[in-house]
Amino acid sequence: MVTRKGHKRVPTCSELVRMSQPATLASLQVTFLMLFLCWDALVSAVPIGPDYLQRGWQRLLEEGESCVECRLEECPTPRGCLAGVVLDACDCCWECANLEGQICDLDHTNHFYGKCGDHLECHLDSEDLQHGEVPEPQCTCLSSQALCGSDGKTYAQICKFQEVFNSNPEANLTVAHEGPCESEPRIVSPPYDIWNITGQDVIFGCEVFAFPMASIEWRKEGLDMLLPGDDPHISVQFRGGPQKYEVTSWLQIQAVRLTDEGTYHCYARNSVGQVAAPASLMVLTPDQLNLTSLALPKGPNLGSNDDWESDELYDYY
């Protein structure tokens, strides 16, 4: 091709395609050859940069749909948002925020999983890699400080309080003070009725939440003394946890006898009040067991140390 000044110019790919008239087989072959040679130029218009790759597949399905002029009167009203509300991807309408523990978007370039709510941040826990898991960003609470609500209940942190507040705004729930509410003990995990044969060991457990911290005592119905007393085959253990402001106690009876059968009580008390929970122990001889269809219960398990949070993390007393 020659320009007006007489200089030769290489035709563009589109011009080459228009110049070729596929009237014969040879011309068709020439056309396909030119299309092949011009393929790089044809695909160069497709964006392949980082910005393009960062968009989620949902955005790709909505290609061509972008943010338009914001009309607040057309925005739906979000309801039942326990973690509060956040602006949508176009910073126009309000939508429900993600709760604690839900997957979230780490940065603002994506809008796939959603944003975290009040007092929450999107956090990637790298410790999951140590267990061979693929870490996922989740909404985590910015505070671990317990709170006392105006309803007299203790909330683990502000995020749990916010969920209850948003679930019933008419209740006008407020924060009474930081730290747990002073209340009588609450038995989180009471002792359970158990049975065993003579000569085996049995354990009763009792987990209590209270502030101020509670003391736990064990008694057997019909006896006026605290256990273990001077009985060498009965022992009592205590430990703080597993959660903050909790204490757990175990009553262990080694090589149970028929005389150990009865009802045992876990008493928990502090300066505010006292609660109790009973549990019964049935003792059988091997001959009595053979006459029943009962299966011998498994041995007691106090759990490994990994199941407990370190006592050094919290000041229990």
C-alpha atoms as a PDB file:
ATOM      1  CA  MET A   1       0.000   0.000   0.000  1.00  0.00           C
ATOM      2  CA  VAL A   2       1.320   3.456  -0.970  1.00  0.00           C
ATOM      3  CA  THR A   3       0.593   6.696   0.882  1.00  0.00           C
ATOM      4  CA  ARG A   4      -0.030  10.068  -0.714  1.00  0.00           C
ATOM      5  CA  LYS A   5       3.667  10.945  -0.429  1.00  0.00           C
ATOM      6  CA  GLY A   6       4.709   7.768  -2.186  1.00  0.00           C
ATOM      7  CA  HIS A   7       5.932   5.939   0.909  1.00  0.00           C
ATOM      8  CA  LYS A   8       5.060   2.295   1.312  1.00  0.00           C
ATOM      9  CA  ARG A   9       3.104   1.335   4.433  1.00  0.00           C
ATOM     10  CA  VAL A  10       2.426  -2.108   5.857  1.00  0.00           C
ATOM     11  CA  PRO A  11      -1.352  -2.684   5.919  1.00  0.00           C
ATOM     12  CA  THR A  12      -3.040  -3.384   9.239  1.00  0.00           C
ATOM     13  CA  CYS A  13      -4.644  -6.708  10.104  1.00  0.00           C
ATOM     14  CA  SER A  14      -8.159  -5.385   9.599  1.00  0.00           C
ATOM     15  CA  GLU A  15      -7.181  -4.003   6.197  1.00  0.00           C
ATOM     16  CA  LEU A  16      -5.645  -7.307   5.175  1.00  0.00           C
ATOM     17  CA  VAL A  17      -8.826  -9.144   6.113  1.00  0.00           C
ATOM     18  CA  ARG A  18     -10.985  -6.715   4.119  1.00  0.00           C
ATOM     19  CA  MET A  19      -8.637  -6.940   1.120  1.00  0.00           C
ATOM     20  CA  SER A  20      -8.940 -10.702   0.880  1.00  0.00           C
ATOM     21  CA  GLN A  21     -12.098 -11.924  -0.886  1.00  0.00           C
ATOM     22  CA  PRO A  22     -12.720 -15.586  -0.033  1.00  0.00           C
ATOM     23  CA  ALA A  23     -13.886 -16.545  -3.505  1.00  0.00           C
ATOM     24  CA  THR A  24     -11.586 -19.533  -3.912  1.00  0.00           C
ATOM     25  CA  LEU A  25      -9.990 -22.150  -1.699  1.00  0.00           C
ATOM     26  CA  ALA A  26      -6.629 -20.437  -2.056  1.00  0.00           C
ATOM     27  CA  SER A  27      -8.027 -17.116  -0.915  1.00  0.00           C
ATOM     28  CA  LEU A  28      -9.634 -18.802   2.120  1.00  0.00           C
ATOM     29  CA  GLN A  29      -6.279 -20.251   3.081  1.00  0.00           C
ATOM     30  CA  VAL A  30      -4.674 -16.830   2.774  1.00  0.00           C
ATOM     31  CA  THR A  31      -7.409 -15.315   4.966  1.00  0.00           C
ATOM     32  CA  PHE A  32      -6.928 -17.871   7.745  1.00  0.00           C
ATOM     33  CA  LEU A  33      -3.169 -17.378   7.561  1.00  0.00           C
ATOM     34  CA  MET A  34      -3.552 -13.622   8.018  1.00  0.00           C
ATOM     35  CA  LEU A  35      -5.942 -14.142  10.945  1.00  0.00           C
ATOM     36  CA  PHE A  36      -3.402 -16.436  12.585  1.00  0.00           C
ATOM     37  CA  LEU A  37      -0.614 -13.900  12.113  1.00  0.00           C
ATOM     38  CA  CYS A  38      -2.802 -11.126  13.543  1.00  0.00           C
ATOM     39  CA  TRP A  39      -4.011 -13.136  16.556  1.00  0.00           C
ATOM     40  CA  ASP A  40      -1.765 -11.298  19.044  1.00  0.00           C
ATOM     41  CA  ALA A  41      -3.209  -7.992  17.929  1.00  0.00           C
ATOM     42  CA  LEU A  42      -6.781  -9.288  18.261  1.00  0.00           C
ATOM     43  CA  VAL A  43      -6.362 -10.553  21.837  1.00  0.00           C
ATOM     44  CA  SER A  44      -4.336  -7.570  23.026  1.00  0.00           C
ATOM     45  CA  ALA A  45      -7.574  -5.735  23.772  1.00  0.00           C
ATOM     46  CA  VAL A  46      -8.483  -8.261  26.540  1.00  0.00           C
ATOM     47  CA  PRO A  47      -7.334  -6.900  29.937  1.00  0.00           C
ATOM     48  CA  ILE A  48      -5.028  -9.331  31.690  1.00  0.00           C
ATOM     49  CA  GLY A  49      -3.411  -7.080  34.273  1.00  0.00           C
ATOM     50  CA  PRO A  50      -3.600  -7.521  38.058  1.00  0.00           C
ATOM     51  CA  ASP A  51      -6.683  -5.319  38.371  1.00  0.00           C
ATOM     52  CA  TYR A  52      -8.545  -7.599  36.017  1.00  0.00           C
ATOM     53  CA  LEU A  53      -7.481 -10.758  37.844  1.00  0.00           C
ATOM     54  CA  GLN A  54      -8.395  -9.364  41.263  1.00  0.00           C
ATOM     55  CA  ARG A  55     -12.058  -9.066  40.435  1.00  0.00           C
ATOM     56  CA  GLY A  56     -14.163 -12.002  41.625  1.00  0.00           C
ATOM     57  CA  TRP A  57     -15.963 -14.330  39.255  1.00  0.00           C
ATOM     58  CA  GLN A  58     -19.243 -12.767  40.274  1.00  0.00           C
ATOM     59  CA  ARG A  59     -18.035  -9.443  38.914  1.00  0.00           C
ATOM     60  CA  LEU A  60     -17.081 -11.189  35.666  1.00  0.00           C
ATOM     61  CA  LEU A  61     -20.593 -12.563  35.335  1.00  0.00           C
ATOM     62  CA  GLU A  62     -21.883  -9.039  35.776  1.00  0.00           C
ATOM     63  CA  GLU A  63     -19.476  -7.590  33.189  1.00  0.00           C
ATOM     64  CA  GLY A  64     -20.930  -4.400  31.862  1.00  0.00           C
ATOM     65  CA  GLU A  65     -22.876  -3.702  35.061  1.00  0.00           C
ATOM     66  CA  SER A  66     -21.104  -0.920  36.925  1.00  0.00           C
ATOM     67  CA  CYS A  67     -22.073   1.579  39.578  1.00  0.00           C
ATOM     68  CA  VAL A  68     -24.656   4.034  38.330  1.00  0.00           C
ATOM     69  CA  GLU A  69     -25.952   7.213  39.844  1.00  0.00           C
ATOM     70  CA  CYS A  70     -26.898   6.584  43.464  1.00  0.00           C
ATOM     71  CA  ARG A  71     -30.635   6.841  44.117  1.00  0.00           C
ATOM     72  CA  LEU A  72     -31.220   6.360  47.816  1.00  0.00           C
ATOM     73  CA  GLU A  73     -34.965   6.064  47.331  1.00  0.00           C
ATOM     74  CA  GLU A  74     -34.381   2.840  45.364  1.00  0.00           C
ATOM     75  CA  CYS A  75     -32.210   1.211  48.048  1.00  0.00           C
ATOM     76  CA  PRO A  76     -33.798  -1.702  49.956  1.00  0.00           C
ATOM     77  CA  THR A  77     -33.967  -1.457  53.735  1.00  0.00           C
ATOM     78  CA  PRO A  78     -31.707  -4.064  55.396  1.00  0.00           C
ATOM     79  CA  ARG A  79     -33.356  -5.957  58.260  1.00  0.00           C
ATOM     80  CA  GLY A  80     -32.104  -8.286  60.980  1.00  0.00           C
ATOM     81  CA  CYS A  81     -28.473  -7.168  60.689  1.00  0.00           C
ATOM     82  CA  LEU A  82     -26.917  -8.482  63.919  1.00  0.00           C
ATOM     83  CA  ALA A  83     -23.478  -7.017  63.140  1.00  0.00           C
ATOM     84  CA  GLY A  84     -24.783  -3.674  61.910  1.00  0.00           C
ATOM     85  CA  VAL A  85     -24.795  -2.315  58.362  1.00  0.00           C
ATOM     86  CA  VAL A  86     -22.115  -1.286  55.845  1.00  0.00           C
ATOM     87  CA  LEU A  87     -22.212   0.439  52.472  1.00  0.00           C
ATOM     88  CA  ASP A  88     -22.373  -1.754  49.385  1.00  0.00           C
ATOM     89  CA  ALA A  89     -19.719  -1.977  46.662  1.00  0.00           C
ATOM     90  CA  CYS A  90     -20.927   1.287  45.118  1.00  0.00           C
ATOM     91  CA  ASP A  91     -20.957   3.141  48.472  1.00  0.00           C
ATOM     92  CA  CYS A  92     -24.616   3.883  47.928  1.00  0.00           C
ATOM     93  CA  CYS A  93     -26.999   1.503  49.709  1.00  0.00           C
ATOM     94  CA  TRP A  94     -26.724  -0.013  53.172  1.00  0.00           C
ATOM     95  CA  GLU A  95     -26.484  -3.796  53.504  1.00  0.00           C
ATOM     96  CA  CYS A  96     -26.023  -6.261  56.379  1.00  0.00           C
ATOM     97  CA  ALA A  97     -22.448  -6.616  57.600  1.00  0.00           C
ATOM     98  CA  ASN A  98     -20.747  -9.944  58.269  1.00  0.00           C
ATOM     99  CA  LEU A  99     -20.839 -11.462  61.751  1.00  0.00           C
ATOM    100  CA  GLU A 100     -17.923 -12.652  63.850  1.00  0.00           C
ATOM    101  CA  GLY A 101     -16.517 -15.857  62.361  1.00  0.00           C
ATOM    102  CA  GLN A 102     -17.895 -15.290  58.856  1.00  0.00           C
ATOM    103  CA  ILE A 103     -15.611 -15.172  55.803  1.00  0.00           C
ATOM    104  CA  CYS A 104     -14.870 -11.642  54.605  1.00  0.00           C
ATOM    105  CA  ASP A 105     -13.000  -9.632  51.952  1.00  0.00           C
ATOM    106  CA  LEU A 106      -9.470  -8.756  53.061  1.00  0.00           C
ATOM    107  CA  ASP A 107      -9.170  -5.637  50.897  1.00  0.00           C
ATOM    108  CA  HIS A 108     -11.471  -3.165  49.208  1.00  0.00           C
ATOM    109  CA  THR A 109     -10.662  -4.267  45.653  1.00  0.00           C
ATOM    110  CA  ASN A 110     -13.081  -7.194  45.966  1.00  0.00           C
ATOM    111  CA  HIS A 111     -16.694  -7.279  47.011  1.00  0.00           C
ATOM    112  CA  PHE A 112     -17.497 -10.969  47.114  1.00  0.00           C
ATOM    113  CA  TYR A 113     -17.864 -12.191  50.715  1.00  0.00           C
ATOM    114  CA  GLY A 114     -18.712  -8.798  52.189  1.00  0.00           C
ATOM    115  CA  LYS A 115     -17.435  -6.435  54.872  1.00  0.00           C
ATOM    116  CA  CYS A 116     -17.220  -6.994  58.614  1.00  0.00           C
ATOM    117  CA  GLY A 117     -19.567  -5.205  60.991  1.00  0.00           C
ATOM    118  CA  ASP A 118     -19.090  -2.931  63.981  1.00  0.00           C
ATOM    119  CA  HIS A 119     -16.088  -3.652  66.239  1.00  0.00           C
ATOM    120  CA  LEU A 120     -14.891  -6.344  63.799  1.00  0.00           C
ATOM    121  CA  GLU A 121     -11.951  -6.621  61.413  1.00  0.00           C
ATOM    122  CA  CYS A 122     -11.173  -9.017  58.578  1.00  0.00           C
ATOM    123  CA  HIS A 123      -8.243 -11.145  59.743  1.00  0.00           C
ATOM    124  CA  LEU A 124      -6.294 -13.975  58.113  1.00  0.00           C
ATOM    125  CA  ASP A 125      -5.174 -16.571  60.658  1.00  0.00           C
ATOM    126  CA  SER A 126      -1.811 -17.886  59.489  1.00  0.00           C
ATOM    127  CA  GLU A 127      -1.831 -20.559  62.216  1.00  0.00           C
ATOM    128  CA  ASP A 128      -4.135 -22.632  60.002  1.00  0.00           C
ATOM    129  CA  LEU A 129      -1.128 -23.305  57.772  1.00  0.00           C
ATOM    130  CA  GLN A 130       0.539 -25.187  60.619  1.00  0.00           C
ATOM    131  CA  HIS A 131      -2.336 -27.676  60.591  1.00  0.00           C
ATOM    132  CA  GLY A 132      -2.232 -28.111  56.813  1.00  0.00           C
ATOM    133  CA  GLU A 133      -5.374 -26.054  56.282  1.00  0.00           C
ATOM    134  CA  VAL A 134      -5.912 -23.275  53.768  1.00  0.00           C
ATOM    135  CA  PRO A 135      -6.402 -20.076  55.786  1.00  0.00           C
ATOM    136  CA  GLU A 136      -9.544 -18.082  55.104  1.00  0.00           C
ATOM    137  CA  PRO A 137     -10.061 -14.465  56.142  1.00  0.00           C
ATOM    138  CA  GLN A 138     -12.665 -14.214  58.882  1.00  0.00           C
ATOM    139  CA  CYS A 139     -14.259 -11.422  60.857  1.00  0.00           C
ATOM    140  CA  THR A 140     -12.698 -11.247  64.329  1.00  0.00           C
ATOM    141  CA  CYS A 141     -13.642  -9.043  67.250  1.00  0.00           C
ATOM    142  CA  LEU A 142     -11.291  -6.179  68.060  1.00  0.00           C
ATOM    143  CA  SER A 143     -11.786  -6.627  71.811  1.00  0.00           C
ATOM    144  CA  SER A 144     -11.747  -9.576  74.209  1.00  0.00           C
ATOM    145  CA  GLN A 145     -12.934  -7.571  77.221  1.00  0.00           C
ATOM    146  CA  ALA A 146     -16.026  -8.996  78.916  1.00  0.00           C
ATOM    147  CA  LEU A 147     -18.949  -6.616  79.438  1.00  0.00           C
ATOM    148  CA  CYS A 148     -21.861  -6.414  81.836  1.00  0.00           C
ATOM    149  CA  GLY A 149     -25.153  -5.523  80.175  1.00  0.00           C
ATOM    150  CA  SER A 150     -28.012  -3.576  81.678  1.00  0.00           C
ATOM    151  CA  ASP A 151     -29.963  -6.865  81.613  1.00  0.00           C
ATOM    152  CA  GLY A 152     -27.604  -8.278  84.245  1.00  0.00           C
ATOM    153  CA  LYS A 153     -25.971 -10.716  81.815  1.00  0.00           C
ATOM    154  CA  THR A 154     -22.261 -11.040  81.090  1.00  0.00           C
ATOM    155  CA  TYR A 155     -21.130 -10.856  77.459  1.00  0.00           C
ATOM    156  CA  ALA A 156     -17.798 -12.303  76.334  1.00  0.00           C
ATOM    157  CA  GLN A 157     -16.947  -9.121  74.388  1.00  0.00           C
ATOM    158  CA  ILE A 158     -18.504  -6.117  72.677  1.00  0.00           C
ATOM    159  CA  CYS A 159     -19.281  -8.072  69.489  1.00  0.00           C
ATOM    160  CA  LYS A 160     -21.528 -10.553  71.324  1.00  0.00           C
ATOM    161  CA  PHE A 161     -23.190  -7.657  73.112  1.00  0.00           C
ATOM    162  CA  GLN A 162     -23.779  -5.909  69.772  1.00  0.00           C
ATOM    163  CA  GLU A 163     -25.474  -8.988  68.307  1.00  0.00           C
ATOM    164  CA  VAL A 164     -27.968  -9.124  71.169  1.00  0.00           C
ATOM    165  CA  PHE A 165     -28.516  -5.362  70.983  1.00  0.00           C
ATOM    166  CA  ASN A 166     -29.235  -5.457  67.227  1.00  0.00           C
ATOM    167  CA  SER A 167     -31.534  -8.469  67.571  1.00  0.00           C
ATOM    168  CA  ASN A 168     -33.899  -6.486  69.793  1.00  0.00           C
ATOM    169  CA  PRO A 169     -33.325  -2.717  69.566  1.00  0.00           C
ATOM    170  CA  GLU A 170     -36.574  -2.006  71.431  1.00  0.00           C
ATOM    171  CA  ALA A 171     -35.063  -3.492  74.605  1.00  0.00           C
ATOM    172  CA  ASN A 172     -32.734  -0.471  74.826  1.00  0.00           C
ATOM    173  CA  LEU A 173     -29.863  -2.641  76.089  1.00  0.00           C
ATOM    174  CA  THR A 174     -26.827  -0.710  77.330  1.00  0.00           C
ATOM    175  CA  VAL A 175     -23.394  -1.529  78.761  1.00  0.00           C
ATOM    176  CA  ALA A 176     -23.518  -1.238  82.538  1.00  0.00           C
ATOM    177  CA  HIS A 177     -19.749  -1.497  82.979  1.00  0.00           C
ATOM    178  CA  GLU A 178     -16.664  -3.264  81.672  1.00  0.00           C
ATOM    179  CA  GLY A 179     -15.991  -6.666  83.145  1.00  0.00           C
ATOM    180  CA  PRO A 180     -18.509  -9.378  84.017  1.00  0.00           C
ATOM    181  CA  CYS A 181     -21.650  -8.778  86.035  1.00  0.00           C
ATOM    182  CA  GLU A 182     -21.580  -9.749  89.677  1.00  0.00           C
ATOM    183  CA  SER A 183     -23.978 -12.646  90.059  1.00  0.00           C
ATOM    184  CA  GLU A 184     -24.445 -15.935  91.822  1.00  0.00           C
ATOM    185  CA  PRO A 185     -22.589 -18.893  90.293  1.00  0.00           C
ATOM    186  CA  ARG A 186     -23.974 -20.623  87.223  1.00  0.00           C
ATOM    187  CA  ILE A 187     -23.189 -24.306  86.718  1.00  0.00           C
ATOM    188  CA  VAL A 188     -22.202 -24.551  83.057  1.00  0.00           C
ATOM    189  CA  SER A 189     -21.574 -28.305  83.052  1.00  0.00           C
ATOM    190  CA  PRO A 190     -23.163 -30.238  85.944  1.00  0.00           C
ATOM    191  CA  PRO A 191     -22.156 -33.720  87.131  1.00  0.00           C
ATOM    192  CA  TYR A 192     -23.988 -36.597  85.439  1.00  0.00           C
ATOM    193  CA  ASP A 193     -25.476 -39.802  86.826  1.00  0.00           C
ATOM    194  CA  ILE A 194     -23.050 -42.685  86.380  1.00  0.00           C
ATOM    195  CA  TRP A 195     -22.702 -46.345  87.297  1.00  0.00           C
ATOM    196  CA  ASN A 196     -19.841 -48.806  87.485  1.00  0.00           C
ATOM    197  CA  ILE A 197     -18.838 -52.121  89.013  1.00  0.00           C
ATOM    198  CA  THR A 198     -16.928 -52.546  92.228  1.00  0.00           C
ATOM    199  CA  GLY A 199     -13.202 -52.006  91.952  1.00  0.00           C
ATOM    200  CA  GLN A 200     -13.446 -49.482  89.095  1.00  0.00           C
ATOM    201  CA  ASP A 201     -12.777 -45.718  89.263  1.00  0.00           C
ATOM    202  CA  VAL A 202     -15.458 -43.079  88.725  1.00  0.00           C
ATOM    203  CA  ILE A 203     -15.238 -39.310  88.303  1.00  0.00           C
ATOM    204  CA  PHE A 204     -17.839 -36.562  88.676  1.00  0.00           C
ATOM    205  CA  GLY A 205     -17.142 -33.199  87.021  1.00  0.00           C
ATOM    206  CA  CYS A 206     -18.606 -29.766  87.737  1.00  0.00           C
ATOM    207  CA  GLU A 207     -17.840 -26.626  85.672  1.00  0.00           C
ATOM    208  CA  VAL A 208     -18.942 -23.267  87.104  1.00  0.00           C
ATOM    209  CA  PHE A 209     -19.016 -19.685  85.803  1.00  0.00           C
ATOM    210  CA  ALA A 210     -19.179 -16.836  88.303  1.00  0.00           C
ATOM    211  CA  PHE A 211     -17.944 -13.355  89.132  1.00  0.00           C
ATOM    212  CA  PRO A 212     -16.639 -13.004  91.745  1.00  0.00           C
ATOM    213  CA  MET A 213     -15.036 -16.391  91.264  1.00  0.00           C
ATOM    214  CA  ALA A 214     -16.825 -19.287  92.936  1.00  0.00           C
ATOM    215  CA  SER A 215     -15.571 -21.937  95.304  1.00  0.00           C
ATOM    216  CA  ILE A 216     -16.764 -25.515  94.772  1.00  0.00           C
ATOM    217  CA  GLU A 217     -17.546 -28.113  97.432  1.00  0.00           C
ATOM    218  CA  TRP A 218     -18.607 -31.748  97.174  1.00  0.00           C
ATOM    219  CA  ARG A 219     -20.960 -33.501  99.566  1.00  0.00           C
ATOM    220  CA  LYS A 220     -22.627 -36.894  99.685  1.00  0.00           C
ATOM    221  CA  GLU A 221     -26.295 -36.982 100.566  1.00  0.00           C
ATOM    222  CA  GLY A 222     -26.782 -38.262 104.106  1.00  0.00           C
ATOM    223  CA  LEU A 223     -23.336 -37.148 105.311  1.00  0.00           C
ATOM    224  CA  ASP A 224     -22.634 -33.874 107.114  1.00  0.00           C
ATOM    225  CA  MET A 225     -18.993 -33.684 106.073  1.00  0.00           C
ATOM    226  CA  LEU A 226     -17.258 -32.187 103.053  1.00  0.00           C
ATOM    227  CA  LEU A 227     -15.570 -34.586 100.689  1.00  0.00           C
ATOM    228  CA  PRO A 228     -13.010 -36.043 100.551  1.00  0.00           C
ATOM    229  CA  GLY A 229     -12.799 -35.957 104.343  1.00  0.00           C
ATOM    230  CA  ASP A 230     -10.316 -38.507 105.650  1.00  0.00           C
ATOM    231  CA  ASP A 231     -11.268 -41.199 103.120  1.00  0.00           C
ATOM    232  CA  PRO A 232      -8.085 -42.101 101.165  1.00  0.00           C
ATOM    233  CA  HIS A 233      -9.924 -43.532  98.135  1.00  0.00           C
ATOM    234  CA  ILE A 234     -11.775 -40.232  97.478  1.00  0.00           C
ATOM    235  CA  SER A 235     -10.043 -37.113  96.135  1.00  0.00           C
ATOM    236  CA  VAL A 236     -11.121 -33.672  94.903  1.00  0.00           C
ATOM    237  CA  GLN A 237      -9.303 -31.573  92.281  1.00  0.00           C
ATOM    238  CA  PHE A 238      -9.766 -27.981  91.105  1.00  0.00           C
ATOM    239  CA  ARG A 239      -8.602 -26.014  88.100  1.00  0.00           C
ATOM    240  CA  GLY A 240      -9.346 -22.612  86.603  1.00  0.00           C
ATOM    241  CA  GLY A 241     -11.072 -22.653  83.227  1.00  0.00           C
ATOM    242  CA  PRO A 242     -11.633 -23.795  80.593  1.00  0.00           C
ATOM    243  CA  GLN A 243     -13.075 -20.316  79.923  1.00  0.00           C
ATOM    244  CA  LYS A 244     -12.379 -17.034  81.611  1.00  0.00           C
ATOM    245  CA  TYR A 245     -14.143 -16.587  84.977  1.00  0.00           C
ATOM    246  CA  GLU A 246     -14.778 -20.326  85.162  1.00  0.00           C
ATOM    247  CA  VAL A 247     -13.539 -22.978  87.561  1.00  0.00           C
ATOM    248  CA  THR A 248     -13.864 -26.755  87.226  1.00  0.00           C
ATOM    249  CA  SER A 249     -13.737 -29.398  89.928  1.00  0.00           C
ATOM    250  CA  TRP A 250     -13.637 -33.197  89.850  1.00  0.00           C
ATOM    251  CA  LEU A 251     -14.629 -35.703  92.490  1.00  0.00           C
ATOM    252  CA  GLN A 252     -12.767 -38.975  91.960  1.00  0.00           C
ATOM    253  CA  ILE A 253     -13.609 -42.233  93.722  1.00  0.00           C
ATOM    254  CA  GLN A 254     -11.008 -44.945  93.263  1.00  0.00           C
ATOM    255  CA  ALA A 255     -11.950 -48.618  93.415  1.00  0.00           C
ATOM    256  CA  VAL A 256     -15.605 -47.940  94.188  1.00  0.00           C
ATOM    257  CA  ARG A 257     -17.379 -49.995  96.810  1.00  0.00           C
ATOM    258  CA  LEU A 258     -21.031 -50.785  97.305  1.00  0.00           C
ATOM    259  CA  THR A 259     -21.053 -48.304 100.194  1.00  0.00           C
ATOM    260  CA  ASP A 260     -20.085 -45.492  97.774  1.00  0.00           C
ATOM    261  CA  GLU A 261     -23.461 -45.736  96.058  1.00  0.00           C
ATOM    262  CA  GLY A 262     -25.635 -42.667  96.575  1.00  0.00           C
ATOM    263  CA  THR A 263     -26.259 -39.077  95.478  1.00  0.00           C
ATOM    264  CA  TYR A 264     -23.432 -36.546  95.344  1.00  0.00           C
ATOM    265  CA  HIS A 265     -23.858 -32.765  95.191  1.00  0.00           C
ATOM    266  CA  CYS A 266     -21.662 -30.098  93.623  1.00  0.00           C
ATOM    267  CA  TYR A 267     -22.041 -26.815  95.552  1.00  0.00           C
ATOM    268  CA  ALA A 268     -20.780 -23.560  94.043  1.00  0.00           C
ATOM    269  CA  ARG A 269     -20.858 -20.342  96.069  1.00  0.00           C
ATOM    270  CA  ASN A 270     -19.524 -16.803  96.028  1.00  0.00           C
ATOM    271  CA  SER A 271     -20.358 -13.556  97.812  1.00  0.00           C
ATOM    272  CA  VAL A 272     -23.585 -13.176  95.811  1.00  0.00           C
ATOM    273  CA  GLY A 273     -25.180 -16.600  96.200  1.00  0.00           C
ATOM    274  CA  GLN A 274     -24.985 -20.380  96.001  1.00  0.00           C
ATOM    275  CA  VAL A 275     -26.179 -23.082  93.590  1.00  0.00           C
ATOM    276  CA  ALA A 276     -26.000 -26.875  93.627  1.00  0.00           C
ATOM    277  CA  ALA A 277     -26.309 -29.764  91.176  1.00  0.00           C
ATOM    278  CA  PRO A 278     -26.845 -33.432  92.146  1.00  0.00           C
ATOM    279  CA  ALA A 279     -25.709 -36.651  90.466  1.00  0.00           C
ATOM    280  CA  SER A 280     -26.207 -40.269  91.489  1.00  0.00           C
ATOM    281  CA  LEU A 281     -23.775 -43.170  91.546  1.00  0.00           C
ATOM    282  CA  MET A 282     -24.952 -46.762  91.134  1.00  0.00           C
ATOM    283  CA  VAL A 283     -22.502 -49.539  92.003  1.00  0.00           C
ATOM    284  CA  LEU A 284     -22.912 -53.131  90.798  1.00  0.00           C
ATOM    285  CA  THR A 285     -20.994 -56.289  91.526  1.00  0.00           C
ATOM    286  CA  PRO A 286     -19.662 -58.324  88.570  1.00  0.00           C
ATOM    287  CA  ASP A 287     -22.374 -60.937  89.190  1.00  0.00           C
ATOM    288  CA  GLN A 288     -25.083 -58.265  89.101  1.00  0.00           C
ATOM    289  CA  LEU A 289     -23.634 -56.909  85.848  1.00  0.00           C
ATOM    290  CA  ASN A 290     -23.866 -60.353  84.233  1.00  0.00           C
ATOM    291  CA  LEU A 291     -27.590 -60.400  84.961  1.00  0.00           C
ATOM    292  CA  THR A 292     -28.151 -57.120  83.121  1.00  0.00           C
ATOM    293  CA  SER A 293     -27.742 -55.953  79.532  1.00  0.00           C
ATOM    294  CA  LEU A 294     -25.614 -52.984  80.557  1.00  0.00           C
ATOM    295  CA  ALA A 295     -22.225 -52.423  78.938  1.00  0.00           C
ATOM    296  CA  LEU A 296     -19.283 -51.549  81.132  1.00  0.00           C
ATOM    297  CA  PRO A 297     -18.715 -47.768  80.871  1.00  0.00           C
ATOM    298  CA  LYS A 298     -15.469 -46.419  79.488  1.00  0.00           C
ATOM    299  CA  GLY A 299     -12.762 -45.231  81.826  1.00  0.00           C
ATOM    300  CA  PRO A 300     -12.826 -41.619  83.049  1.00  0.00           C
ATOM    301  CA  ASN A 301     -11.146 -39.020  80.884  1.00  0.00           C
ATOM    302  CA  LEU A 302     -10.200 -35.613  82.197  1.00  0.00           C
ATOM    303  CA  GLY A 303      -9.039 -34.430  78.793  1.00  0.00           C
ATOM    304  CA  SER A 304      -5.559 -33.459  77.662  1.00  0.00           C
ATOM    305  CA  ASN A 305      -3.800 -30.267  78.609  1.00  0.00           C
ATOM    306  CA  ASP A 306      -4.226 -29.050  75.028  1.00  0.00           C
ATOM    307  CA  ASP A 307      -7.973 -28.779  75.638  1.00  0.00           C
ATOM    308  CA  TRP A 308      -7.383 -26.176  78.325  1.00  0.00           C
ATOM    309  CA  GLU A 309      -6.282 -22.606  78.030  1.00  0.00           C
ATOM    310  CA  SER A 310      -3.200 -21.777  80.033  1.00  0.00           C
ATOM    311  CA  ASP A 311      -3.889 -20.555  83.555  1.00  0.00           C
ATOM    312  CA  GLU A 312      -1.341 -17.828  82.920  1.00  0.00           C
ATOM    313  CA  LEU A 313      -3.597 -16.207  80.323  1.00  0.00           C
ATOM    314  CA  TYR A 314      -6.195 -15.134  82.841  1.00  0.00           C
ATOM    315  CA  ASP A 315      -6.266 -13.974  86.418  1.00  0.00           C
ATOM    316  CA  TYR A 316      -8.892 -16.299  87.823  1.00  0.00           C
ATOM    317  CA  TYR A 317      -8.669 -15.248  91.459  1.00  0.00           C
END
